[in-house]
């Protein structure tokens, strides 16, 4: 399993509710989470096969933005 972390604009419980169906379908319900307490609203996805671009597209499909973290 690899872990992908991206900065998002998913910033509250309501936002998480909106992206949940899309991200569950794409990655499985236990394979992603959003840290809304972090200022960068970090989305963490664990997957064997997904890459950053797939995650970014799934978030965009749900109406939000995700981008690579600039450490």
N, C-alpha and C. Protein backbone atom coordinates (compact mmCIF):
# COMPACT_ATOMS: atom_id res chain seq x y z
N UNK A 1 0.84 -1.18 0.00
CA UNK A 1 0.00 0.00 0.00
C UNK A 1 0.88 1.24 0.00
N UNK A 2 0.51 2.19 -0.84
CA UNK A 2 1.21 3.47 -0.80
C UNK A 2 0.26 4.53 -0.28
N UNK A 3 0.83 5.58 0.27
CA UNK A 3 0.04 6.66 0.84
C UNK A 3 0.25 7.91 0.00
N UNK A 4 -0.86 8.52 -0.38
CA UNK A 4 -0.85 9.75 -1.16
C UNK A 4 -1.44 10.85 -0.28
N UNK A 5 -0.73 11.98 -0.17
CA UNK A 5 -1.25 13.10 0.60
C UNK A 5 -1.31 14.32 -0.30
N UNK A 6 -2.47 14.99 -0.28
CA UNK A 6 -2.70 16.16 -1.11
C UNK A 6 -3.34 17.27 -0.30
N UNK A 7 -3.03 18.51 -0.68
CA UNK A 7 -3.68 19.69 -0.09
C UNK A 7 -5.03 19.85 -0.79
N UNK A 8 -6.10 20.12 -0.02
CA UNK A 8 -7.43 20.27 -0.61
C UNK A 8 -8.13 21.53 -0.11
N UNK A 9 -9.31 21.78 -0.68
CA UNK A 9 -10.18 22.83 -0.15
C UNK A 9 -11.41 22.20 0.50
N UNK A 10 -11.28 20.96 0.95
CA UNK A 10 -12.33 20.27 1.71
C UNK A 10 -12.14 20.69 3.16
N UNK A 11 -12.98 21.62 3.65
CA UNK A 11 -12.63 22.23 4.93
C UNK A 11 -13.65 22.07 6.05
N UNK A 12 -14.70 21.26 5.85
CA UNK A 12 -15.66 21.10 6.94
C UNK A 12 -16.40 19.77 6.80
N UNK A 13 -17.19 19.43 7.79
CA UNK A 13 -17.95 18.19 7.77
C UNK A 13 -18.90 18.11 6.59
N UNK A 14 -19.51 19.24 6.23
CA UNK A 14 -20.41 19.27 5.08
C UNK A 14 -19.68 18.95 3.78
N UNK A 15 -18.48 19.47 3.66
CA UNK A 15 -17.66 19.19 2.47
C UNK A 15 -17.32 17.70 2.42
N UNK A 16 -16.96 17.15 3.56
CA UNK A 16 -16.62 15.73 3.61
C UNK A 16 -17.82 14.88 3.20
N UNK A 17 -19.02 15.27 3.66
CA UNK A 17 -20.22 14.54 3.26
C UNK A 17 -20.40 14.55 1.74
N UNK A 18 -20.09 15.67 1.10
CA UNK A 18 -20.25 15.79 -0.34
C UNK A 18 -19.25 14.93 -1.11
N UNK A 19 -18.02 14.81 -0.62
CA UNK A 19 -17.01 14.03 -1.35
C UNK A 19 -17.05 12.54 -1.00
N UNK A 20 -17.70 12.19 0.10
CA UNK A 20 -17.69 10.80 0.57
C UNK A 20 -18.14 9.80 -0.50
N UNK A 21 -19.28 9.99 -1.16
CA UNK A 21 -19.69 8.96 -2.14
C UNK A 21 -18.66 8.76 -3.26
N UNK A 22 -18.10 9.85 -3.75
CA UNK A 22 -17.12 9.76 -4.84
C UNK A 22 -15.84 9.08 -4.38
N UNK A 23 -15.32 9.49 -3.23
CA UNK A 23 -14.06 8.91 -2.75
C UNK A 23 -14.24 7.47 -2.28
N UNK A 24 -15.39 7.16 -1.69
CA UNK A 24 -15.65 5.76 -1.31
C UNK A 24 -15.67 4.87 -2.54
N UNK A 25 -16.32 5.34 -3.60
CA UNK A 25 -16.40 4.56 -4.83
C UNK A 25 -15.02 4.35 -5.44
N UNK A 26 -14.21 5.40 -5.43
CA UNK A 26 -12.90 5.34 -6.07
C UNK A 26 -11.86 4.58 -5.25
N UNK A 27 -11.89 4.72 -3.93
CA UNK A 27 -10.79 4.20 -3.11
C UNK A 27 -11.21 3.30 -1.96
N UNK A 28 -12.50 3.23 -1.66
CA UNK A 28 -12.97 2.44 -0.52
C UNK A 28 -13.11 3.31 0.71
N UNK A 29 -14.14 3.03 1.51
CA UNK A 29 -14.47 3.92 2.62
C UNK A 29 -13.40 4.01 3.70
N UNK A 30 -12.60 2.98 3.86
CA UNK A 30 -11.59 3.01 4.93
C UNK A 30 -10.21 3.40 4.42
N UNK A 31 -10.13 3.82 3.15
CA UNK A 31 -8.82 4.11 2.55
C UNK A 31 -8.54 5.59 2.34
N UNK A 32 -9.36 6.46 2.90
CA UNK A 32 -9.09 7.89 2.76
C UNK A 32 -9.61 8.64 3.98
N UNK A 33 -9.02 9.81 4.21
CA UNK A 33 -9.48 10.69 5.28
C UNK A 33 -8.99 12.10 4.98
N UNK A 34 -9.70 13.08 5.53
CA UNK A 34 -9.31 14.48 5.38
C UNK A 34 -9.05 15.04 6.78
N UNK A 35 -7.90 15.65 6.96
CA UNK A 35 -7.56 16.29 8.22
C UNK A 35 -7.97 17.76 8.14
N UNK A 36 -9.21 18.05 8.55
CA UNK A 36 -9.70 19.42 8.46
C UNK A 36 -9.09 20.33 9.51
N UNK A 37 -8.42 19.76 10.51
CA UNK A 37 -7.75 20.58 11.52
C UNK A 37 -6.44 21.15 10.99
N UNK A 38 -5.87 20.50 9.98
CA UNK A 38 -4.63 20.97 9.38
C UNK A 38 -4.95 22.17 8.47
N UNK A 39 -4.17 23.24 8.53
CA UNK A 39 -4.44 24.42 7.68
C UNK A 39 -4.48 24.09 6.18
N UNK A 40 -3.77 23.04 5.76
CA UNK A 40 -3.75 22.66 4.34
C UNK A 40 -4.86 21.66 3.99
N UNK A 41 -5.68 21.26 5.00
CA UNK A 41 -6.80 20.33 4.77
C UNK A 41 -6.31 19.09 4.01
N UNK A 42 -5.42 18.35 4.63
CA UNK A 42 -4.72 17.25 3.97
C UNK A 42 -5.64 16.05 3.76
N UNK A 43 -5.74 15.63 2.50
CA UNK A 43 -6.42 14.39 2.14
C UNK A 43 -5.37 13.31 2.06
N UNK A 44 -5.58 12.23 2.80
CA UNK A 44 -4.67 11.08 2.78
C UNK A 44 -5.42 9.90 2.19
N UNK A 45 -4.85 9.31 1.15
CA UNK A 45 -5.44 8.13 0.50
C UNK A 45 -4.41 7.02 0.54
N UNK A 46 -4.82 5.83 0.98
CA UNK A 46 -3.94 4.67 0.91
C UNK A 46 -4.51 3.73 -0.15
N UNK A 47 -3.65 3.31 -1.05
CA UNK A 47 -4.10 2.49 -2.17
C UNK A 47 -2.93 1.71 -2.76
N UNK A 48 -3.25 0.55 -3.32
CA UNK A 48 -2.23 -0.22 -4.03
C UNK A 48 -2.00 0.33 -5.43
N UNK A 49 -3.05 0.85 -6.03
CA UNK A 49 -2.97 1.16 -7.46
C UNK A 49 -3.16 2.63 -7.82
N UNK A 50 -3.78 3.43 -6.97
CA UNK A 50 -4.07 4.82 -7.33
C UNK A 50 -2.80 5.67 -7.36
N UNK A 51 -2.82 6.70 -8.19
CA UNK A 51 -1.72 7.67 -8.17
C UNK A 51 -2.31 9.06 -7.89
N UNK A 52 -1.43 10.04 -7.75
CA UNK A 52 -1.87 11.39 -7.39
C UNK A 52 -2.89 11.94 -8.37
N UNK A 53 -2.65 11.72 -9.66
CA UNK A 53 -3.57 12.26 -10.66
C UNK A 53 -4.97 11.67 -10.53
N UNK A 54 -5.07 10.38 -10.24
CA UNK A 54 -6.38 9.75 -10.05
C UNK A 54 -7.11 10.37 -8.85
N UNK A 55 -6.37 10.62 -7.78
CA UNK A 55 -6.98 11.21 -6.58
C UNK A 55 -7.45 12.62 -6.88
N UNK A 56 -6.62 13.40 -7.57
CA UNK A 56 -6.99 14.78 -7.93
C UNK A 56 -8.25 14.78 -8.79
N UNK A 57 -8.34 13.85 -9.75
CA UNK A 57 -9.53 13.76 -10.61
C UNK A 57 -10.77 13.37 -9.82
N UNK A 58 -10.63 12.45 -8.86
CA UNK A 58 -11.78 12.03 -8.04
C UNK A 58 -12.28 13.19 -7.19
N UNK A 59 -11.37 13.96 -6.62
CA UNK A 59 -11.77 15.11 -5.81
C UNK A 59 -12.45 16.16 -6.69
N UNK A 60 -11.92 16.38 -7.88
CA UNK A 60 -12.52 17.34 -8.81
C UNK A 60 -13.92 16.89 -9.23
N UNK A 61 -14.10 15.59 -9.42
CA UNK A 61 -15.41 15.04 -9.79
C UNK A 61 -16.44 15.37 -8.71
N UNK A 62 -15.99 15.42 -7.46
CA UNK A 62 -16.87 15.74 -6.34
C UNK A 62 -17.06 17.25 -6.15
N UNK A 63 -16.36 18.05 -6.97
CA UNK A 63 -16.54 19.49 -6.92
C UNK A 63 -15.54 20.24 -6.07
N UNK A 64 -14.43 19.61 -5.73
CA UNK A 64 -13.41 20.25 -4.91
C UNK A 64 -12.06 20.20 -5.60
N UNK A 65 -11.09 20.87 -5.00
CA UNK A 65 -9.74 20.91 -5.57
C UNK A 65 -8.77 20.17 -4.67
N UNK A 66 -7.83 19.49 -5.31
CA UNK A 66 -6.72 18.87 -4.59
C UNK A 66 -5.46 19.16 -5.39
N UNK A 67 -4.37 19.37 -4.68
CA UNK A 67 -3.10 19.64 -5.36
C UNK A 67 -1.97 19.03 -4.56
N UNK A 68 -0.85 18.86 -5.23
CA UNK A 68 0.31 18.28 -4.58
C UNK A 68 0.78 19.18 -3.46
N UNK A 69 1.24 18.53 -2.40
CA UNK A 69 1.79 19.28 -1.27
C UNK A 69 3.16 19.82 -1.61
N UNK A 70 3.40 21.06 -1.33
CA UNK A 70 4.73 21.64 -1.45
C UNK A 70 5.31 21.71 -0.06
N UNK A 71 6.12 20.73 0.25
CA UNK A 71 6.67 20.63 1.61
C UNK A 71 7.55 21.81 1.93
